[in-house]
C-alpha atoms as a PDB file:
ATOM      1  CA  MET A   1     -13.053  -4.218 -12.393  1.00  0.00           C
ATOM      2  CA  THR A   2      -9.609  -2.626 -12.729  1.00  0.00           C
ATOM      3  CA  VAL A   3      -7.097  -5.453 -12.253  1.00  0.00           C
ATOM      4  CA  LYS A   4      -3.484  -4.336 -12.472  1.00  0.00           C
ATOM      5  CA  THR A   5      -0.513  -6.322 -13.724  1.00  0.00           C
ATOM      6  CA  SER A   6       1.904  -3.386 -13.951  1.00  0.00           C
ATOM      7  CA  TYR A   7       2.206   0.269 -12.978  1.00  0.00           C
ATOM      8  CA  LYS A   8       3.612   3.174 -14.904  1.00  0.00           C
ATOM      9  CA  PRO A   9       6.634   4.640 -13.066  1.00  0.00           C
ATOM     10  CA  GLY A  10       5.574   7.692 -11.090  1.00  0.00           C
ATOM     11  CA  THR A  11       2.109   6.383 -10.151  1.00  0.00           C
ATOM     12  CA  PRO A  12       0.925   5.059  -6.774  1.00  0.00           C
ATOM     13  CA  CYS A  13       1.134   1.267  -6.791  1.00  0.00           C
ATOM     14  CA  TRP A  14       0.740   0.123  -3.185  1.00  0.00           C
ATOM     15  CA  ILE A  15      -0.482   1.245   0.223  1.00  0.00           C
ATOM     16  CA  ASP A  16       0.026  -0.169   3.668  1.00  0.00           C
ATOM     17  CA  LEU A  17      -1.062   0.566   7.191  1.00  0.00           C
ATOM     18  CA  GLY A  18       1.176   0.778  10.214  1.00  0.00           C
ATOM     19  CA  THR A  19      -0.880  -0.176  13.268  1.00  0.00           C
ATOM     20  CA  PRO A  20      -0.323  -1.301  16.866  1.00  0.00           C
ATOM     21  CA  ASP A  21      -2.818  -4.159  16.484  1.00  0.00           C
ATOM     22  CA  GLN A  22      -3.090  -6.065  13.216  1.00  0.00           C
ATOM     23  CA  ASP A  23      -5.936  -8.247  14.443  1.00  0.00           C
ATOM     24  CA  ALA A  24      -8.076  -5.284  15.489  1.00  0.00           C
ATOM     25  CA  ALA A  25      -7.220  -3.435  12.282  1.00  0.00           C
ATOM     26  CA  GLY A  26      -8.263  -6.493  10.302  1.00  0.00           C
ATOM     27  CA  GLU A  27     -11.601  -6.605  12.072  1.00  0.00           C
ATOM     28  CA  PHE A  28     -12.220  -2.882  11.476  1.00  0.00           C
ATOM     29  CA  TYR A  29     -11.299  -2.788   7.783  1.00  0.00           C
ATOM     30  CA  GLY A  30     -12.949  -6.136   7.208  1.00  0.00           C
ATOM     31  CA  SER A  31     -16.204  -4.682   8.506  1.00  0.00           C
ATOM     32  CA  VAL A  32     -15.846  -1.397   6.597  1.00  0.00           C
ATOM     33  CA  PHE A  33     -14.496  -2.657   3.251  1.00  0.00           C
ATOM     34  CA  GLY A  34     -14.895  -6.430   3.302  1.00  0.00           C
ATOM     35  CA  TRP A  35     -11.163  -7.115   3.455  1.00  0.00           C
ATOM     36  CA  GLN A  36      -9.536 -10.323   4.612  1.00  0.00           C
ATOM     37  CA  LEU A  37      -6.000 -10.206   6.024  1.00  0.00           C
ATOM     38  CA  GLN A  38      -3.598 -12.933   4.929  1.00  0.00           C
ATOM     39  CA  GLU A  39      -0.279 -13.478   6.665  1.00  0.00           C
ATOM     40  CA  ASP A  40       2.610 -13.338   4.233  1.00  0.00           C
ATOM     41  CA  GLU A  41       4.049 -16.745   3.380  1.00  0.00           C
ATOM     42  CA  ASN A  42       7.436 -15.418   4.548  1.00  0.00           C
ATOM     43  CA  ALA A  43       6.027 -13.734   7.658  1.00  0.00           C
ATOM     44  CA  GLU A  44       9.091 -14.441   9.804  1.00  0.00           C
ATOM     45  CA  GLN A  45      11.271 -12.582   7.314  1.00  0.00           C
ATOM     46  CA  THR A  46       8.813  -9.743   6.708  1.00  0.00           C
ATOM     47  CA  GLY A  47       8.084  -8.836  10.323  1.00  0.00           C
ATOM     48  CA  GLY A  48       4.655 -10.453  10.362  1.00  0.00           C
ATOM     49  CA  TYR A  49       3.456  -8.455   7.348  1.00  0.00           C
ATOM     50  CA  ARG A  50      -0.113  -9.206   6.286  1.00  0.00           C
ATOM     51  CA  THR A  51      -1.744  -8.610   2.932  1.00  0.00           C
ATOM     52  CA  ALA A  52      -5.217  -7.097   2.726  1.00  0.00           C
ATOM     53  CA  GLN A  53      -7.340  -8.852   0.123  1.00  0.00           C
ATOM     54  CA  LEU A  54     -10.686  -8.076  -1.449  1.00  0.00           C
ATOM     55  CA  ASP A  55     -12.340 -10.966  -3.279  1.00  0.00           C
ATOM     56  CA  GLY A  56      -8.993 -12.746  -3.257  1.00  0.00           C
ATOM     57  CA  ARG A  57      -7.069  -9.845  -4.819  1.00  0.00           C
ATOM     58  CA  ASN A  58      -4.388  -7.819  -3.048  1.00  0.00           C
ATOM     59  CA  VAL A  59      -5.375  -4.228  -2.233  1.00  0.00           C
ATOM     60  CA  GLY A  60      -2.764  -3.266   0.368  1.00  0.00           C
ATOM     61  CA  GLY A  61      -0.868  -4.350   3.440  1.00  0.00           C
ATOM     62  CA  VAL A  62      -1.051  -4.160   7.229  1.00  0.00           C
ATOM     63  CA  MET A  63       2.090  -4.139   9.343  1.00  0.00           C
ATOM     64  CA  ARG A  64       2.983  -3.710  12.992  1.00  0.00           C
ATOM     65  CA  LEU A  65       4.453  -0.385  14.054  1.00  0.00           C
ATOM     66  CA  MET A  66       8.201  -0.781  13.965  1.00  0.00           C
ATOM     67  CA  GLN A  67       9.435   2.075  16.167  1.00  0.00           C
ATOM     68  CA  GLU A  68       8.457   3.537  19.535  1.00  0.00           C
ATOM     69  CA  GLY A  69       6.431   6.699  19.041  1.00  0.00           C
ATOM     70  CA  GLN A  70       5.573   5.862  15.421  1.00  0.00           C
ATOM     71  CA  PRO A  71       2.011   7.044  14.743  1.00  0.00           C
ATOM     72  CA  PRO A  72      -0.541   4.711  13.155  1.00  0.00           C
ATOM     73  CA  ALA A  73      -0.827   5.819   9.526  1.00  0.00           C
ATOM     74  CA  TRP A  74      -1.329   4.794   5.937  1.00  0.00           C
ATOM     75  CA  MET A  75       1.656   4.917   3.570  1.00  0.00           C
ATOM     76  CA  THR A  76       1.460   5.492  -0.185  1.00  0.00           C
ATOM     77  CA  TYR A  77       4.130   3.901  -2.407  1.00  0.00           C
ATOM     78  CA  ILE A  78       5.075   5.284  -5.818  1.00  0.00           C
ATOM     79  CA  ALA A  79       6.273   2.915  -8.543  1.00  0.00           C
ATOM     80  CA  VAL A  80       9.853   3.545  -9.720  1.00  0.00           C
ATOM     81  CA  GLU A  81      12.288   1.845 -12.057  1.00  0.00           C
ATOM     82  CA  ASP A  82      15.272   2.246  -9.697  1.00  0.00           C
ATOM     83  CA  ALA A  83      14.733   2.768  -5.972  1.00  0.00           C
ATOM     84  CA  ASP A  84      18.378   3.609  -5.264  1.00  0.00           C
ATOM     85  CA  SER A  85      18.711   6.351  -7.840  1.00  0.00           C
ATOM     86  CA  THR A  86      15.263   7.749  -6.973  1.00  0.00           C
ATOM     87  CA  ALA A  87      16.149   7.970  -3.277  1.00  0.00           C
ATOM     88  CA  ALA A  88      19.438   9.683  -4.080  1.00  0.00           C
ATOM     89  CA  ARG A  89      17.698  12.156  -6.361  1.00  0.00           C
ATOM     90  CA  ALA A  90      15.080  12.914  -3.703  1.00  0.00           C
ATOM     91  CA  GLY A  91      17.861  13.981  -1.353  1.00  0.00           C
ATOM     92  CA  GLU A  92      19.346  16.234  -4.013  1.00  0.00           C
ATOM     93  CA  LEU A  93      15.940  17.887  -4.501  1.00  0.00           C
ATOM     94  CA  GLY A  94      15.487  18.777  -0.840  1.00  0.00           C
ATOM     95  CA  GLY A  95      13.737  15.663   0.393  1.00  0.00           C
ATOM     96  CA  SER A  96      14.958  13.201   3.007  1.00  0.00           C
ATOM     97  CA  VAL A  97      15.606   9.474   2.996  1.00  0.00           C
ATOM     98  CA  LEU A  98      13.995   8.037   6.126  1.00  0.00           C
ATOM     99  CA  VAL A  99      14.554   4.362   5.279  1.00  0.00           C
ATOM    100  CA  GLU A 100      17.388   3.594   2.899  1.00  0.00           C
ATOM    101  CA  PRO A 101      16.648   1.452  -0.167  1.00  0.00           C
ATOM    102  CA  MET A 102      16.302  -2.194   0.762  1.00  0.00           C
ATOM    103  CA  SER A 103      15.207  -5.379  -0.954  1.00  0.00           C
ATOM    104  CA  VAL A 104      12.136  -7.201   0.373  1.00  0.00           C
ATOM    105  CA  LEU A 105      13.059 -10.783  -0.511  1.00  0.00           C
ATOM    106  CA  ASP A 106      12.320 -11.131  -4.240  1.00  0.00           C
ATOM    107  CA  TYR A 107       9.127  -9.066  -3.989  1.00  0.00           C
ATOM    108  CA  GLY A 108      10.788  -5.771  -4.867  1.00  0.00           C
ATOM    109  CA  ARG A 109      12.976  -2.976  -3.558  1.00  0.00           C
ATOM    110  CA  MET A 110      11.686  -0.107  -1.438  1.00  0.00           C
ATOM    111  CA  ALA A 111      12.622   3.038   0.434  1.00  0.00           C
ATOM    112  CA  VAL A 112      10.781   5.552   2.600  1.00  0.00           C
ATOM    113  CA  LEU A 113      11.234   9.235   1.795  1.00  0.00           C
ATOM    114  CA  SER A 114       9.850  12.611   2.769  1.00  0.00           C
ATOM    115  CA  ASP A 115       9.340  15.611   0.531  1.00  0.00           C
ATOM    116  CA  PRO A 116      10.611  19.136   1.410  1.00  0.00           C
ATOM    117  CA  THR A 117       7.407  19.818   3.396  1.00  0.00           C
ATOM    118  CA  GLY A 118       7.811  16.690   5.521  1.00  0.00           C
ATOM    119  CA  ALA A 119       5.108  14.540   3.893  1.00  0.00           C
ATOM    120  CA  VAL A 120       6.201  10.889   4.053  1.00  0.00           C
ATOM    121  CA  PHE A 121       5.821   8.412   1.183  1.00  0.00           C
ATOM    122  CA  GLY A 122       7.371   5.205  -0.050  1.00  0.00           C
ATOM    123  CA  ILE A 123       8.836   4.130  -3.370  1.00  0.00           C
ATOM    124  CA  TRP A 124       8.567   0.632  -4.810  1.00  0.00           C
ATOM    125  CA  GLN A 125      10.755  -0.944  -7.479  1.00  0.00           C
ATOM    126  CA  PRO A 126       8.755  -4.027  -8.463  1.00  0.00           C
ATOM    127  CA  GLY A 127      10.134  -7.515  -8.402  1.00  0.00           C
ATOM    128  CA  LYS A 128       7.758 -10.439  -8.071  1.00  0.00           C
ATOM    129  CA  ASN A 129       5.139  -8.058  -6.666  1.00  0.00           C
ATOM    130  CA  VAL A 130       4.159  -5.159  -8.907  1.00  0.00           C
ATOM    131  CA  GLY A 131       1.749  -3.643  -6.382  1.00  0.00           C
ATOM    132  CA  ALA A 132      -1.979  -3.813  -5.717  1.00  0.00           C
ATOM    133  CA  ASP A 133      -3.978  -6.170  -7.908  1.00  0.00           C
ATOM    134  CA  LEU A 134      -7.149  -4.127  -7.628  1.00  0.00           C
ATOM    135  CA  VAL A 135      -7.681  -0.357  -7.767  1.00  0.00           C
ATOM    136  CA  ARG A 136     -10.543   2.058  -8.453  1.00  0.00           C
ATOM    137  CA  GLU A 137     -13.174  -0.350  -7.216  1.00  0.00           C
ATOM    138  CA  ALA A 138     -15.323  -0.247  -4.085  1.00  0.00           C
ATOM    139  CA  GLY A 139     -13.053  -1.125  -1.170  1.00  0.00           C
ATOM    140  CA  ALA A 140      -9.831  -0.418  -3.068  1.00  0.00           C
ATOM    141  CA  LEU A 141      -7.507   2.545  -3.526  1.00  0.00           C
ATOM    142  CA  THR A 142      -8.996   5.014  -5.988  1.00  0.00           C
ATOM    143  CA  TRP A 143      -7.183   8.347  -5.421  1.00  0.00           C
ATOM    144  CA  SER A 144      -3.993   9.614  -3.752  1.00  0.00           C
ATOM    145  CA  GLU A 145      -3.871  13.118  -2.306  1.00  0.00           C
ATOM    146  CA  LEU A 146      -0.992  15.209  -1.010  1.00  0.00           C
ATOM    147  CA  ASN A 147      -2.200  17.374   1.861  1.00  0.00           C
ATOM    148  CA  THR A 148       0.319  20.178   2.277  1.00  0.00           C
ATOM    149  CA  ARG A 149       0.632  23.714   3.564  1.00  0.00           C
ATOM    150  CA  ASP A 150       3.331  24.510   1.017  1.00  0.00           C
ATOM    151  CA  PRO A 151       2.253  23.245  -2.414  1.00  0.00           C
ATOM    152  CA  GLU A 152       4.666  25.565  -4.191  1.00  0.00           C
ATOM    153  CA  SER A 153       7.599  23.727  -2.598  1.00  0.00           C
ATOM    154  CA  ALA A 154       6.106  20.267  -2.955  1.00  0.00           C
ATOM    155  CA  LYS A 155       4.980  20.374  -6.586  1.00  0.00           C
ATOM    156  CA  PRO A 156       8.395  21.061  -8.194  1.00  0.00           C
ATOM    157  CA  PHE A 157       9.951  18.318  -6.054  1.00  0.00           C
ATOM    158  CA  TYR A 158       7.569  15.637  -7.306  1.00  0.00           C
ATOM    159  CA  ALA A 159       7.584  16.961 -10.863  1.00  0.00           C
ATOM    160  CA  GLU A 160      11.355  16.596 -11.010  1.00  0.00           C
ATOM    161  CA  LEU A 161      11.430  13.270  -9.170  1.00  0.00           C
ATOM    162  CA  PHE A 162       8.552  11.491 -10.919  1.00  0.00           C
ATOM    163  CA  GLY A 163       7.699  13.556 -14.005  1.00  0.00           C
ATOM    164  CA  TRP A 164       4.337  14.689 -12.671  1.00  0.00           C
ATOM    165  CA  SER A 165       2.280  17.398 -14.337  1.00  0.00           C
ATOM    166  CA  TYR A 166      -0.388  19.499 -12.638  1.00  0.00           C
ATOM    167  CA  GLU A 167      -3.668  21.133 -13.527  1.00  0.00           C
ATOM    168  CA  ASP A 168      -5.561  23.534 -11.270  1.00  0.00           C
ATOM    169  CA  GLU A 169      -9.341  23.241 -11.138  1.00  0.00           C
ATOM    170  CA  GLU A 170     -11.995  25.194  -9.255  1.00  0.00           C
ATOM    171  CA  TYR A 171     -14.574  23.263  -7.241  1.00  0.00           C
ATOM    172  CA  GLU A 172     -17.595  24.763  -5.559  1.00  0.00           C
ATOM    173  CA  GLY A 173     -17.164  24.693  -1.793  1.00  0.00           C
ATOM    174  CA  THR A 174     -13.510  23.652  -1.813  1.00  0.00           C
ATOM    175  CA  GLY A 175     -11.787  26.244  -4.004  1.00  0.00           C
ATOM    176  CA  THR A 176      -8.720  25.431  -6.082  1.00  0.00           C
ATOM    177  CA  TYR A 177      -7.673  21.814  -6.335  1.00  0.00           C
ATOM    178  CA  THR A 178      -4.592  20.603  -8.211  1.00  0.00           C
ATOM    179  CA  THR A 179      -4.845  17.338 -10.132  1.00  0.00           C
ATOM    180  CA  ILE A 180      -1.703  15.236 -10.646  1.00  0.00           C
ATOM    181  CA  ALA A 181      -1.034  13.259 -13.813  1.00  0.00           C
ATOM    182  CA  VAL A 182       1.678  11.147 -15.429  1.00  0.00           C
ATOM    183  CA  ASP A 183       1.643  11.147 -19.226  1.00  0.00           C
ATOM    184  CA  GLY A 184      -1.819  12.687 -19.160  1.00  0.00           C
ATOM    185  CA  GLU A 185      -3.337  10.070 -16.829  1.00  0.00           C
ATOM    186  CA  SER A 186      -4.549  11.521 -13.525  1.00  0.00           C
ATOM    187  CA  PHE A 187      -4.317   9.520 -10.313  1.00  0.00           C
ATOM    188  CA  GLY A 188      -4.350  12.032  -7.478  1.00  0.00           C
ATOM    189  CA  GLY A 189      -4.265  15.606  -6.341  1.00  0.00           C
ATOM    190  CA  VAL A 190      -2.673  18.283  -4.192  1.00  0.00           C
ATOM    191  CA  LEU A 191      -4.731  20.082  -1.549  1.00  0.00           C
ATOM    192  CA  ASP A 192      -3.535  23.145   0.336  1.00  0.00           C
ATOM    193  CA  ILE A 193      -4.571  22.348   3.904  1.00  0.00           C
ATOM    194  CA  THR A 194      -3.591  25.713   5.336  1.00  0.00           C
ATOM    195  CA  GLY A 195      -6.346  26.646   7.786  1.00  0.00           C
ATOM    196  CA  ARG A 196      -8.299  23.480   6.952  1.00  0.00           C
ATOM    197  CA  VAL A 197      -6.882  21.088   9.534  1.00  0.00           C
ATOM    198  CA  PRO A 198      -5.320  21.518  12.993  1.00  0.00           C
ATOM    199  CA  GLU A 199      -1.727  22.707  12.969  1.00  0.00           C
ATOM    200  CA  GLU A 200      -0.567  19.566  14.769  1.00  0.00           C
ATOM    201  CA  VAL A 201      -1.540  17.486  11.737  1.00  0.00           C
ATOM    202  CA  PRO A 202       1.603  17.224   9.582  1.00  0.00           C
ATOM    203  CA  ASP A 203       1.676  17.418   5.806  1.00  0.00           C
ATOM    204  CA  ASN A 204       0.729  13.962   4.585  1.00  0.00           C
ATOM    205  CA  TRP A 205      -0.420  11.646   1.830  1.00  0.00           C
ATOM    206  CA  LEU A 206      -4.095  10.717   2.192  1.00  0.00           C
ATOM    207  CA  VAL A 207      -5.434   7.495   0.648  1.00  0.00           C
ATOM    208  CA  TYR A 208      -8.953   7.443  -0.813  1.00  0.00           C
ATOM    209  CA  PHE A 209     -11.031   4.273  -0.992  1.00  0.00           C
ATOM    210  CA  ALA A 210     -14.044   4.062  -3.288  1.00  0.00           C
ATOM    211  CA  VAL A 211     -17.333   3.034  -1.681  1.00  0.00           C
ATOM    212  CA  ASP A 212     -20.817   2.378  -3.023  1.00  0.00           C
ATOM    213  CA  ASP A 213     -22.566   4.239  -0.202  1.00  0.00           C
ATOM    214  CA  ALA A 214     -20.614   6.810   1.815  1.00  0.00           C
ATOM    215  CA  ASN A 215     -23.254   7.219   4.502  1.00  0.00           C
ATOM    216  CA  ALA A 216     -23.500   3.481   5.128  1.00  0.00           C
ATOM    217  CA  THR A 217     -19.692   3.173   5.187  1.00  0.00           C
ATOM    218  CA  LEU A 218     -19.382   5.946   7.773  1.00  0.00           C
ATOM    219  CA  ALA A 219     -22.079   4.370   9.921  1.00  0.00           C
ATOM    220  CA  THR A 220     -20.238   1.047   9.840  1.00  0.00           C
ATOM    221  CA  ALA A 221     -16.923   2.732  10.684  1.00  0.00           C
ATOM    222  CA  LYS A 222     -18.460   4.421  13.726  1.00  0.00           C
ATOM    223  CA  GLU A 223     -20.102   1.174  14.843  1.00  0.00           C
ATOM    224  CA  HIS A 224     -16.618  -0.376  14.917  1.00  0.00           C
ATOM    225  CA  ASP A 225     -14.913   2.390  16.937  1.00  0.00           C
ATOM    226  CA  GLY A 226     -13.835   4.558  14.018  1.00  0.00           C
ATOM    227  CA  SER A 227     -14.603   8.273  13.849  1.00  0.00           C
ATOM    228  CA  VAL A 228     -15.420  10.800  11.134  1.00  0.00           C
ATOM    229  CA  ALA A 229     -12.892  13.640  10.997  1.00  0.00           C
ATOM    230  CA  PHE A 230     -14.481  15.464   8.063  1.00  0.00           C
ATOM    231  CA  GLY A 231     -17.700  15.280   6.091  1.00  0.00           C
ATOM    232  CA  PRO A 232     -19.482  13.748   4.464  1.00  0.00           C
ATOM    233  CA  MET A 233     -19.464  16.467   1.824  1.00  0.00           C
ATOM    234  CA  ASP A 234     -20.829  16.429  -1.709  1.00  0.00           C
ATOM    235  CA  ILE A 235     -18.376  17.849  -4.239  1.00  0.00           C
ATOM    236  CA  PRO A 236     -19.816  18.487  -7.714  1.00  0.00           C
ATOM    237  CA  ARG A 237     -18.167  16.410 -10.463  1.00  0.00           C
ATOM    238  CA  VAL A 238     -16.349  14.376  -7.801  1.00  0.00           C
ATOM    239  CA  GLY A 239     -18.744  12.676  -5.402  1.00  0.00           C
ATOM    240  CA  ARG A 240     -19.521  12.339  -1.710  1.00  0.00           C
ATOM    241  CA  VAL A 241     -16.337  12.499   0.351  1.00  0.00           C
ATOM    242  CA  ALA A 242     -15.404  12.024   4.005  1.00  0.00           C
ATOM    243  CA  VAL A 243     -12.240  11.564   6.052  1.00  0.00           C
ATOM    244  CA  VAL A 244     -12.276   8.774   8.620  1.00  0.00           C
ATOM    245  CA  GLN A 245      -9.980   7.708  11.440  1.00  0.00           C
ATOM    246  CA  ASP A 246      -9.714   4.049  12.344  1.00  0.00           C
ATOM    247  CA  PRO A 247      -9.792   2.990  16.031  1.00  0.00           C
ATOM    248  CA  PHE A 248      -6.076   3.805  16.385  1.00  0.00           C
ATOM    249  CA  GLY A 249      -6.201   7.192  14.664  1.00  0.00           C
ATOM    250  CA  ALA A 250      -4.923   6.296  11.177  1.00  0.00           C
ATOM    251  CA  ALA A 251      -6.680   8.583   8.699  1.00  0.00           C
ATOM    252  CA  PHE A 252      -8.077   7.678   5.290  1.00  0.00           C
ATOM    253  CA  ALA A 253     -10.749   9.066   2.984  1.00  0.00           C
ATOM    254  CA  VAL A 254     -13.755   7.455   1.364  1.00  0.00           C
ATOM    255  CA  ILE A 255     -15.424   8.608  -1.823  1.00  0.00           C
ATOM    256  CA  GLN A 256     -18.750   7.651  -3.322  1.00  0.00           C
ATOM    257  CA  PRO A 257     -18.047   8.735  -6.899  1.00  0.00           C
ATOM    258  CA  ASP A 258     -20.433  11.072  -8.685  1.00  0.00           C
ATOM    259  CA  PRO A 259     -22.403   8.823 -11.094  1.00  0.00           C
ATOM    260  CA  GLU A 260     -22.064  11.439 -13.831  1.00  0.00           C
ATOM    261  CA  MET A 261     -18.300  10.988 -13.727  1.00  0.00           C
ATOM    262  CA  GLN A 262     -18.489   7.209 -14.149  1.00  0.00           C
ATOM    263  CA  PRO A 263     -18.469   5.377 -17.477  1.00  0.00           C
ATOM    264  CA  GLY A 264     -21.926   5.699 -18.955  1.00  0.00           C
ATOM    265  CA  GLY A 265     -22.844   8.538 -16.563  1.00  0.00           C
END
């Protein structure tokens, strides 16, 4: 079990879901991943924010949509040492600041940004909350992927902003995939989605949750009004992967890791 007490700056540390119905979302993700939603102890001050827990450990958050026309979606947050300076630097590098840096009680300081291609992400300067307690376990965040049609514009932006390095790898059936690392530790990737997804789908950050059985997970998702947008597909040296939409259209991926890539495999 990978229990986290801190995150290296430049790595994903938290995810949350914007949804029109927290109760329904809780029922769906509870059925699919075994989560329980807990209302924040300062719910009146946090807009009714709820924490998603797995076996009593925080794995993400679920919040109500805040603006008219806002699409249901998952947000990935990157750990930073200084949210204000990071947001300012993002603007200098061609990104945009969508939500200015703000403190969330004593939990931490956040902002919402977009990269030069329009992909939206958050940054998190930890206070009392460092981020998710549990990662890289079944039902928890295990990989973060930038889906973009312009990787050559996106990669320098993130490299300058967060110190990321990249390595291109060839995978049978999917072509070139770019792995992202900080100080040699990989946590995600970049996928060129040109021609892979409908044009109306914007560049985005896709969250991957580990599962023990991809087929069973997809069956459960469909039984609870979710849908499968892609897959399942077996990728050598990676695992069995699929992209799912929850009942409100928020997309996420599931991965049943290749046993040969696991410790002892």
